[in-house]
Amino acid sequence: MKTLTILKYQWKDLFRGKWIIGYGLIYLLVADAMIRFGGTGPKAMLSIANVMLLLIPLVGMIYGALYLYQSREFTELLLAQPLNRRTLFWGLFGGVAMPLALAFSLGVGLPMLYSGIIATSPIVSVLLVLVLGNVLTLLFTGLGFWLALAFFNDRIKGLGFALVSWLFLAILYDGLVLLTIVTFGDYPIEKPMLALALINPIDLARITVLLNFDVSALMGYTGAVFSRFFGSMLGMSVAAGCLMIWLGLPLWRSVQLFKKKDF
């Protein structure tokens, strides 16, 4: 009940600020444009997924970290009450992650609904995009909390690490993988490439989407290796399992830091 009370307060505060509505509208406009210009087939779904893989990690990490810094006085006030720290953490986390996930789901889901893409595309593909978006929202909001708690007394450092982490995982990582392939192309590097795919949650989500749509030309080297080693269905299961591990680790570590943090 205490967690629900904290969630209710945070949701009111977030929706009063209107920015969460703007975040949902961005997805609605992007999804609508992709469907209008890309058709109601797999091409539109892939375009929506590509935007999702860039935007969700950025917003989740930055806002997750920023929220903890901005709500420091509120957190200190709640800690003065007879509240369990674990309960308070889940209330704070849920109050940020759940509205972000809801905004994404409505922003992407409504254009799919009124455009008829749900009727013309395989329901598994539609659900996969929506579920992956929600998982990535929880995962990267958790990473944002982790970084903020690790550098709680230095806001610039915490937000800087969050931004650099997003830049590395979303953009620079694939370049480093390509450089590795070019440098060590004469050696058997399939298994190391497989390991590299497993340690990047954005790559895991991308591979999961591409395996579902069976778009081998767009998979890249790591995606092709993943498909060759595991096949489509097993590969999706392995990628999803690794994403769940990625989801659990930052949240587990964040809870440990929050319980010991001297506010």
C-alpha atoms as a PDB file:
ATOM      1  CA  MET A   1       0.000   0.000   0.000  1.00  0.00           C
ATOM      2  CA  LYS A   2       2.853   2.415   0.798  1.00  0.00           C
ATOM      3  CA  THR A   3       4.430   1.737  -2.595  1.00  0.00           C
ATOM      4  CA  LEU A   4       1.102   2.429  -4.332  1.00  0.00           C
ATOM      5  CA  THR A   5       0.745   5.699  -2.407  1.00  0.00           C
ATOM      6  CA  ILE A   6       4.186   6.832  -3.599  1.00  0.00           C
ATOM      7  CA  LEU A   7       3.366   5.769  -7.158  1.00  0.00           C
ATOM      8  CA  LYS A   8       0.087   7.682  -7.120  1.00  0.00           C
ATOM      9  CA  TYR A   9       1.784  10.874  -5.951  1.00  0.00           C
ATOM     10  CA  GLN A  10       4.543  10.598  -8.565  1.00  0.00           C
ATOM     11  CA  TRP A  11       2.123   9.903 -11.397  1.00  0.00           C
ATOM     12  CA  LYS A  12       0.107  13.001 -10.516  1.00  0.00           C
ATOM     13  CA  ASP A  13       3.305  15.045 -10.400  1.00  0.00           C
ATOM     14  CA  LEU A  14       4.552  13.727 -13.757  1.00  0.00           C
ATOM     15  CA  PHE A  15       1.278  14.238 -15.623  1.00  0.00           C
ATOM     16  CA  ARG A  16       0.910  17.694 -14.071  1.00  0.00           C
ATOM     17  CA  GLY A  17       4.234  18.617 -15.675  1.00  0.00           C
ATOM     18  CA  LYS A  18       2.854  17.664 -19.148  1.00  0.00           C
ATOM     19  CA  TRP A  19       6.278  16.528 -20.443  1.00  0.00           C
ATOM     20  CA  ILE A  20       5.304  12.849 -20.263  1.00  0.00           C
ATOM     21  CA  ILE A  21       2.368  13.647 -22.578  1.00  0.00           C
ATOM     22  CA  GLY A  22       4.819  15.276 -25.002  1.00  0.00           C
ATOM     23  CA  TYR A  23       7.007  12.161 -24.852  1.00  0.00           C
ATOM     24  CA  GLY A  24       4.034  10.012 -25.844  1.00  0.00           C
ATOM     25  CA  LEU A  25       3.088  12.428 -28.633  1.00  0.00           C
ATOM     26  CA  ILE A  26       6.587  12.118 -30.125  1.00  0.00           C
ATOM     27  CA  TYR A  27       6.080   8.380 -30.505  1.00  0.00           C
ATOM     28  CA  LEU A  28       2.576   8.883 -31.879  1.00  0.00           C
ATOM     29  CA  LEU A  29       3.801  11.310 -34.551  1.00  0.00           C
ATOM     30  CA  VAL A  30       6.830   9.150 -35.444  1.00  0.00           C
ATOM     31  CA  ALA A  31       4.790   5.934 -35.622  1.00  0.00           C
ATOM     32  CA  ASP A  32       2.074   7.646 -37.669  1.00  0.00           C
ATOM     33  CA  ALA A  33       4.660   9.003 -40.137  1.00  0.00           C
ATOM     34  CA  MET A  34       6.423   5.630 -40.447  1.00  0.00           C
ATOM     35  CA  ILE A  35       3.145   3.853 -41.156  1.00  0.00           C
ATOM     36  CA  ARG A  36       1.958   6.485 -43.640  1.00  0.00           C
ATOM     37  CA  PHE A  37       5.193   6.555 -45.643  1.00  0.00           C
ATOM     38  CA  GLY A  38       6.416   3.007 -45.038  1.00  0.00           C
ATOM     39  CA  GLY A  39       3.138   1.167 -45.488  1.00  0.00           C
ATOM     40  CA  THR A  40       1.485  -1.155 -43.018  1.00  0.00           C
ATOM     41  CA  GLY A  41       3.927  -4.006 -43.501  1.00  0.00           C
ATOM     42  CA  PRO A  42       7.182  -5.105 -41.875  1.00  0.00           C
ATOM     43  CA  LYS A  43       9.036  -2.051 -43.222  1.00  0.00           C
ATOM     44  CA  ALA A  44       6.984   0.292 -41.031  1.00  0.00           C
ATOM     45  CA  MET A  45       7.423  -1.961 -37.980  1.00  0.00           C
ATOM     46  CA  LEU A  46      11.188  -2.071 -38.501  1.00  0.00           C
ATOM     47  CA  SER A  47      11.322   1.717 -38.836  1.00  0.00           C
ATOM     48  CA  ILE A  48       9.380   2.148 -35.581  1.00  0.00           C
ATOM     49  CA  ALA A  49      11.701  -0.350 -33.866  1.00  0.00           C
ATOM     50  CA  ASN A  50      14.810   1.528 -35.045  1.00  0.00           C
ATOM     51  CA  VAL A  51      13.509   4.815 -33.624  1.00  0.00           C
ATOM     52  CA  MET A  52      12.557   3.015 -30.411  1.00  0.00           C
ATOM     53  CA  LEU A  53      16.071   1.547 -30.031  1.00  0.00           C
ATOM     54  CA  LEU A  54      17.603   5.034 -30.102  1.00  0.00           C
ATOM     55  CA  LEU A  55      15.077   7.102 -28.196  1.00  0.00           C
ATOM     56  CA  ILE A  56      14.051   4.815 -25.315  1.00  0.00           C
ATOM     57  CA  PRO A  57      17.587   4.219 -23.960  1.00  0.00           C
ATOM     58  CA  LEU A  58      18.377   7.955 -24.140  1.00  0.00           C
ATOM     59  CA  VAL A  59      15.227   9.112 -22.349  1.00  0.00           C
ATOM     60  CA  GLY A  60      15.251   6.233 -19.853  1.00  0.00           C
ATOM     61  CA  MET A  61      18.839   6.749 -18.729  1.00  0.00           C
ATOM     62  CA  ILE A  62      18.838  10.554 -18.679  1.00  0.00           C
ATOM     63  CA  TYR A  63      15.469  10.985 -17.018  1.00  0.00           C
ATOM     64  CA  GLY A  64      16.028   8.095 -14.601  1.00  0.00           C
ATOM     65  CA  ALA A  65      19.241   9.726 -13.354  1.00  0.00           C
ATOM     66  CA  LEU A  66      17.832  13.252 -13.462  1.00  0.00           C
ATOM     67  CA  TYR A  67      14.738  12.319 -11.463  1.00  0.00           C
ATOM     68  CA  LEU A  68      16.763  11.053  -8.506  1.00  0.00           C
ATOM     69  CA  TYR A  69      18.778  14.265  -8.429  1.00  0.00           C
ATOM     70  CA  GLN A  70      15.690  16.465  -8.676  1.00  0.00           C
ATOM     71  CA  SER A  71      13.751  14.528  -6.041  1.00  0.00           C
ATOM     72  CA  ARG A  72      16.496  14.456  -3.411  1.00  0.00           C
ATOM     73  CA  GLU A  73      14.557  16.579  -0.910  1.00  0.00           C
ATOM     74  CA  PHE A  74      11.409  14.515  -1.493  1.00  0.00           C
ATOM     75  CA  THR A  75      13.403  11.319  -0.948  1.00  0.00           C
ATOM     76  CA  GLU A  76      14.909  12.673   2.277  1.00  0.00           C
ATOM     77  CA  LEU A  77      11.411  13.591   3.494  1.00  0.00           C
ATOM     78  CA  LEU A  78      10.107  10.084   2.809  1.00  0.00           C
ATOM     79  CA  LEU A  79      13.133   8.498   4.485  1.00  0.00           C
ATOM     80  CA  ALA A  80      12.237  10.397   7.661  1.00  0.00           C
ATOM     81  CA  GLN A  81       8.959   8.435   7.701  1.00  0.00           C
ATOM     82  CA  PRO A  82       8.646   4.813   8.893  1.00  0.00           C
ATOM     83  CA  LEU A  83       9.263   3.486   5.365  1.00  0.00           C
ATOM     84  CA  ASN A  84      11.331   0.521   4.299  1.00  0.00           C
ATOM     85  CA  ARG A  85      14.052   1.655   1.888  1.00  0.00           C
ATOM     86  CA  ARG A  86      13.321  -1.170  -0.541  1.00  0.00           C
ATOM     87  CA  THR A  87       9.647  -0.146  -0.619  1.00  0.00           C
ATOM     88  CA  LEU A  88      10.620   3.468  -1.238  1.00  0.00           C
ATOM     89  CA  PHE A  89      13.000   2.515  -4.058  1.00  0.00           C
ATOM     90  CA  TRP A  90      10.348   0.529  -5.940  1.00  0.00           C
ATOM     91  CA  GLY A  91       7.887   3.358  -5.456  1.00  0.00           C
ATOM     92  CA  LEU A  92      10.337   5.897  -6.916  1.00  0.00           C
ATOM     93  CA  PHE A  93      11.390   3.602  -9.760  1.00  0.00           C
ATOM     94  CA  GLY A  94       7.843   2.612 -10.674  1.00  0.00           C
ATOM     95  CA  GLY A  95       6.760   6.240 -10.579  1.00  0.00           C
ATOM     96  CA  VAL A  96       9.252   7.036 -13.340  1.00  0.00           C
ATOM     97  CA  ALA A  97       9.449   3.843 -15.421  1.00  0.00           C
ATOM     98  CA  MET A  98       5.742   2.998 -15.605  1.00  0.00           C
ATOM     99  CA  PRO A  99       4.576   6.377 -17.014  1.00  0.00           C
ATOM    100  CA  LEU A 100       7.422   6.229 -19.573  1.00  0.00           C
ATOM    101  CA  ALA A 101       6.345   2.725 -20.595  1.00  0.00           C
ATOM    102  CA  LEU A 102       2.694   3.789 -20.781  1.00  0.00           C
ATOM    103  CA  ALA A 103       3.551   6.824 -22.926  1.00  0.00           C
ATOM    104  CA  PHE A 104       5.514   4.618 -25.320  1.00  0.00           C
ATOM    105  CA  SER A 105       2.795   1.949 -25.503  1.00  0.00           C
ATOM    106  CA  LEU A 106       0.016   4.451 -26.235  1.00  0.00           C
ATOM    107  CA  GLY A 107       2.155   6.562 -28.578  1.00  0.00           C
ATOM    108  CA  VAL A 108       3.083   3.558 -30.723  1.00  0.00           C
ATOM    109  CA  GLY A 109      -0.047   1.462 -30.182  1.00  0.00           C
ATOM    110  CA  LEU A 110      -2.666   4.050 -31.210  1.00  0.00           C
ATOM    111  CA  PRO A 111      -1.307   4.588 -34.778  1.00  0.00           C
ATOM    112  CA  MET A 112      -1.049   0.812 -35.167  1.00  0.00           C
ATOM    113  CA  LEU A 113      -4.672   0.520 -34.115  1.00  0.00           C
ATOM    114  CA  TYR A 114      -6.293   3.226 -36.240  1.00  0.00           C
ATOM    115  CA  SER A 115      -4.103   2.501 -39.306  1.00  0.00           C
ATOM    116  CA  GLY A 116      -5.087  -1.176 -39.282  1.00  0.00           C
ATOM    117  CA  ILE A 117      -1.488  -2.411 -39.004  1.00  0.00           C
ATOM    118  CA  ILE A 118      -2.556  -4.764 -36.208  1.00  0.00           C
ATOM    119  CA  ALA A 119      -4.879  -6.511 -38.667  1.00  0.00           C
ATOM    120  CA  THR A 120      -2.383  -6.647 -41.559  1.00  0.00           C
ATOM    121  CA  SER A 121       0.797  -7.574 -39.653  1.00  0.00           C
ATOM    122  CA  PRO A 122       1.469 -10.733 -37.627  1.00  0.00           C
ATOM    123  CA  ILE A 123       0.284 -10.114 -34.082  1.00  0.00           C
ATOM    124  CA  VAL A 124       3.548 -11.616 -32.770  1.00  0.00           C
ATOM    125  CA  SER A 125       5.547  -8.872 -34.515  1.00  0.00           C
ATOM    126  CA  VAL A 126       3.329  -6.113 -33.129  1.00  0.00           C
ATOM    127  CA  LEU A 127       3.491  -7.529 -29.607  1.00  0.00           C
ATOM    128  CA  LEU A 128       7.257  -7.997 -29.876  1.00  0.00           C
ATOM    129  CA  VAL A 129       7.824  -4.309 -30.658  1.00  0.00           C
ATOM    130  CA  LEU A 130       5.544  -3.207 -27.804  1.00  0.00           C
ATOM    131  CA  VAL A 131       7.001  -5.650 -25.273  1.00  0.00           C
ATOM    132  CA  LEU A 132      10.599  -4.849 -26.215  1.00  0.00           C
ATOM    133  CA  GLY A 133       9.867  -1.128 -25.882  1.00  0.00           C
ATOM    134  CA  ASN A 134       8.534  -1.640 -22.365  1.00  0.00           C
ATOM    135  CA  VAL A 135      11.442  -3.914 -21.379  1.00  0.00           C
ATOM    136  CA  LEU A 136      13.973  -1.378 -22.674  1.00  0.00           C
ATOM    137  CA  THR A 137      12.180   1.397 -20.788  1.00  0.00           C
ATOM    138  CA  LEU A 138      12.465  -0.503 -17.501  1.00  0.00           C
ATOM    139  CA  LEU A 139      16.036  -1.586 -18.260  1.00  0.00           C
ATOM    140  CA  PHE A 140      17.447   1.836 -19.110  1.00  0.00           C
ATOM    141  CA  THR A 141      15.529   3.651 -16.400  1.00  0.00           C
ATOM    142  CA  GLY A 142      17.135   1.139 -14.028  1.00  0.00           C
ATOM    143  CA  LEU A 143      20.559   1.943 -15.500  1.00  0.00           C
ATOM    144  CA  GLY A 144      19.845   5.643 -14.992  1.00  0.00           C
ATOM    145  CA  PHE A 145      18.975   5.013 -11.344  1.00  0.00           C
ATOM    146  CA  TRP A 146      22.142   2.939 -10.925  1.00  0.00           C
ATOM    147  CA  LEU A 147      24.395   5.669 -12.338  1.00  0.00           C
ATOM    148  CA  ALA A 148      22.681   8.384 -10.298  1.00  0.00           C
ATOM    149  CA  LEU A 149      23.062   6.408  -7.074  1.00  0.00           C
ATOM    150  CA  ALA A 150      26.685   5.557  -7.863  1.00  0.00           C
ATOM    151  CA  PHE A 151      27.506   9.268  -8.387  1.00  0.00           C
ATOM    152  CA  PHE A 152      24.787  10.794  -6.219  1.00  0.00           C
ATOM    153  CA  ASN A 153      26.846  13.679  -4.867  1.00  0.00           C
ATOM    154  CA  ASP A 154      27.997  14.801  -8.315  1.00  0.00           C
ATOM    155  CA  ARG A 155      25.077  15.501 -10.647  1.00  0.00           C
ATOM    156  CA  ILE A 156      27.250  16.472 -13.619  1.00  0.00           C
ATOM    157  CA  LYS A 157      29.271  13.254 -13.378  1.00  0.00           C
ATOM    158  CA  GLY A 158      26.144  11.085 -13.029  1.00  0.00           C
ATOM    159  CA  LEU A 159      24.353  12.668 -15.990  1.00  0.00           C
ATOM    160  CA  GLY A 160      27.588  12.677 -17.983  1.00  0.00           C
ATOM    161  CA  PHE A 161      28.066   8.953 -17.447  1.00  0.00           C
ATOM    162  CA  ALA A 162      24.437   8.345 -18.445  1.00  0.00           C
ATOM    163  CA  LEU A 163      24.842  10.301 -21.698  1.00  0.00           C
ATOM    164  CA  VAL A 164      28.207   8.722 -22.558  1.00  0.00           C
ATOM    165  CA  SER A 165      26.830   5.236 -21.800  1.00  0.00           C
ATOM    166  CA  TRP A 166      23.919   5.815 -24.197  1.00  0.00           C
ATOM    167  CA  LEU A 167      26.261   7.187 -26.875  1.00  0.00           C
ATOM    168  CA  PHE A 168      28.538   4.169 -26.540  1.00  0.00           C
ATOM    169  CA  LEU A 169      25.826   1.488 -26.498  1.00  0.00           C
ATOM    170  CA  ALA A 170      23.599   3.021 -29.191  1.00  0.00           C
ATOM    171  CA  ILE A 171      26.109   4.445 -31.659  1.00  0.00           C
ATOM    172  CA  LEU A 172      29.811   3.801 -31.011  1.00  0.00           C
ATOM    173  CA  TYR A 173      29.507   0.127 -30.091  1.00  0.00           C
ATOM    174  CA  ASP A 174      28.635  -1.051 -33.607  1.00  0.00           C
ATOM    175  CA  GLY A 175      31.572   0.935 -34.975  1.00  0.00           C
ATOM    176  CA  LEU A 176      33.951  -0.802 -32.562  1.00  0.00           C
ATOM    177  CA  VAL A 177      32.498  -4.187 -33.544  1.00  0.00           C
ATOM    178  CA  LEU A 178      33.063  -3.363 -37.219  1.00  0.00           C
ATOM    179  CA  LEU A 179      36.631  -2.256 -36.458  1.00  0.00           C
ATOM    180  CA  THR A 180      37.243  -5.558 -34.636  1.00  0.00           C
ATOM    181  CA  ILE A 181      35.899  -7.523 -37.593  1.00  0.00           C
ATOM    182  CA  VAL A 182      38.130  -5.634 -40.049  1.00  0.00           C
ATOM    183  CA  THR A 183      41.203  -5.982 -37.822  1.00  0.00           C
ATOM    184  CA  PHE A 184      40.814  -9.657 -36.937  1.00  0.00           C
ATOM    185  CA  GLY A 185      38.892 -10.847 -39.997  1.00  0.00           C
ATOM    186  CA  ASP A 186      41.466 -13.518 -40.799  1.00  0.00           C
ATOM    187  CA  TYR A 187      40.877 -15.259 -37.467  1.00  0.00           C
ATOM    188  CA  PRO A 188      37.891 -17.336 -36.257  1.00  0.00           C
ATOM    189  CA  ILE A 189      36.059 -14.584 -34.385  1.00  0.00           C
ATOM    190  CA  GLU A 190      32.461 -15.826 -34.529  1.00  0.00           C
ATOM    191  CA  LYS A 191      32.290 -16.741 -30.835  1.00  0.00           C
ATOM    192  CA  PRO A 192      33.879 -13.476 -29.610  1.00  0.00           C
ATOM    193  CA  MET A 193      31.399 -11.591 -31.802  1.00  0.00           C
ATOM    194  CA  LEU A 194      28.591 -13.561 -30.221  1.00  0.00           C
ATOM    195  CA  ALA A 195      29.845 -12.531 -26.784  1.00  0.00           C
ATOM    196  CA  LEU A 196      30.001  -8.895 -27.913  1.00  0.00           C
ATOM    197  CA  ALA A 197      26.359  -9.067 -28.980  1.00  0.00           C
ATOM    198  CA  LEU A 198      25.320 -10.443 -25.577  1.00  0.00           C
ATOM    199  CA  ILE A 199      26.875  -7.578 -23.593  1.00  0.00           C
ATOM    200  CA  ASN A 200      24.959  -4.800 -25.351  1.00  0.00           C
ATOM    201  CA  PRO A 201      21.214  -4.682 -24.542  1.00  0.00           C
ATOM    202  CA  ILE A 202      20.448  -2.451 -27.527  1.00  0.00           C
ATOM    203  CA  ASP A 203      22.123  -4.936 -29.874  1.00  0.00           C
ATOM    204  CA  LEU A 204      20.192  -7.773 -28.215  1.00  0.00           C
ATOM    205  CA  ALA A 205      16.895  -5.962 -28.772  1.00  0.00           C
ATOM    206  CA  ARG A 206      17.822  -5.165 -32.395  1.00  0.00           C
ATOM    207  CA  ILE A 207      18.798  -8.771 -33.103  1.00  0.00           C
ATOM    208  CA  THR A 208      15.548 -10.003 -31.533  1.00  0.00           C
ATOM    209  CA  VAL A 209      13.503  -7.743 -33.825  1.00  0.00           C
ATOM    210  CA  LEU A 210      15.470  -8.678 -36.943  1.00  0.00           C
ATOM    211  CA  LEU A 211      15.298 -12.402 -36.197  1.00  0.00           C
ATOM    212  CA  ASN A 212      11.535 -12.108 -35.851  1.00  0.00           C
ATOM    213  CA  PHE A 213      11.221 -10.341 -39.214  1.00  0.00           C
ATOM    214  CA  ASP A 214      13.899 -12.600 -40.737  1.00  0.00           C
ATOM    215  CA  VAL A 215      15.672  -9.653 -42.383  1.00  0.00           C
ATOM    216  CA  SER A 216      19.102 -11.220 -42.803  1.00  0.00           C
ATOM    217  CA  ALA A 217      20.443  -8.385 -44.961  1.00  0.00           C
ATOM    218  CA  LEU A 218      19.986  -5.882 -42.115  1.00  0.00           C
ATOM    219  CA  MET A 219      21.345  -8.018 -39.283  1.00  0.00           C
ATOM    220  CA  GLY A 220      24.981  -7.071 -39.618  1.00  0.00           C
ATOM    221  CA  TYR A 221      27.803  -9.412 -38.672  1.00  0.00           C
ATOM    222  CA  THR A 222      26.784 -10.017 -35.041  1.00  0.00           C
ATOM    223  CA  GLY A 223      23.158 -10.620 -36.019  1.00  0.00           C
ATOM    224  CA  ALA A 224      24.191 -13.063 -38.743  1.00  0.00           C
ATOM    225  CA  VAL A 225      26.443 -14.943 -36.289  1.00  0.00           C
ATOM    226  CA  PHE A 226      23.626 -15.008 -33.739  1.00  0.00           C
ATOM    227  CA  SER A 227      21.228 -16.446 -36.307  1.00  0.00           C
ATOM    228  CA  ARG A 228      23.738 -19.027 -37.486  1.00  0.00           C
ATOM    229  CA  PHE A 229      24.544 -20.248 -33.971  1.00  0.00           C
ATOM    230  CA  PHE A 230      21.021 -20.327 -32.557  1.00  0.00           C
ATOM    231  CA  GLY A 231      18.549 -20.092 -35.426  1.00  0.00           C
ATOM    232  CA  SER A 232      15.597 -17.714 -35.407  1.00  0.00           C
ATOM    233  CA  MET A 233      13.388 -19.024 -32.590  1.00  0.00           C
ATOM    234  CA  LEU A 234      16.179 -20.215 -30.283  1.00  0.00           C
ATOM    235  CA  GLY A 235      18.112 -17.038 -31.033  1.00  0.00           C
ATOM    236  CA  MET A 236      15.137 -14.901 -30.017  1.00  0.00           C
ATOM    237  CA  SER A 237      14.801 -16.906 -26.794  1.00  0.00           C
ATOM    238  CA  VAL A 238      18.507 -16.531 -25.963  1.00  0.00           C
ATOM    239  CA  ALA A 239      18.410 -12.794 -26.717  1.00  0.00           C
ATOM    240  CA  ALA A 240      15.264 -12.356 -24.606  1.00  0.00           C
ATOM    241  CA  GLY A 241      16.852 -14.291 -21.714  1.00  0.00           C
ATOM    242  CA  CYS A 242      19.956 -12.092 -21.838  1.00  0.00           C
ATOM    243  CA  LEU A 243      17.758  -8.982 -21.894  1.00  0.00           C
ATOM    244  CA  MET A 244      16.050 -10.207 -18.711  1.00  0.00           C
ATOM    245  CA  ILE A 245      19.456 -10.568 -17.076  1.00  0.00           C
ATOM    246  CA  TRP A 246      20.300  -7.043 -18.218  1.00  0.00           C
ATOM    247  CA  LEU A 247      17.000  -5.855 -16.751  1.00  0.00           C
ATOM    248  CA  GLY A 248      17.623  -7.523 -13.397  1.00  0.00           C
ATOM    249  CA  LEU A 249      21.254  -6.554 -12.787  1.00  0.00           C
ATOM    250  CA  PRO A 250      20.920  -2.726 -12.748  1.00  0.00           C
ATOM    251  CA  LEU A 251      17.791  -2.911 -10.591  1.00  0.00           C
ATOM    252  CA  TRP A 252      19.408  -5.313  -8.132  1.00  0.00           C
ATOM    253  CA  ARG A 253      22.502  -3.115  -7.881  1.00  0.00           C
ATOM    254  CA  SER A 254      20.391   0.044  -7.565  1.00  0.00           C
ATOM    255  CA  VAL A 255      18.438  -1.443  -4.656  1.00  0.00           C
ATOM    256  CA  GLN A 256      21.703  -2.338  -2.882  1.00  0.00           C
ATOM    257  CA  LEU A 257      23.076   1.189  -3.347  1.00  0.00           C
ATOM    258  CA  PHE A 258      19.809   2.815  -2.292  1.00  0.00           C
ATOM    259  CA  LYS A 259      19.646   0.783   0.911  1.00  0.00           C
ATOM    260  CA  LYS A 260      23.151   1.943   1.920  1.00  0.00           C
ATOM    261  CA  LYS A 261      23.061   5.481   0.542  1.00  0.00           C
ATOM    262  CA  ASP A 262      23.556   8.287   3.052  1.00  0.00           C
ATOM    263  CA  PHE A 263      21.179  10.976   1.869  1.00  0.00           C
END
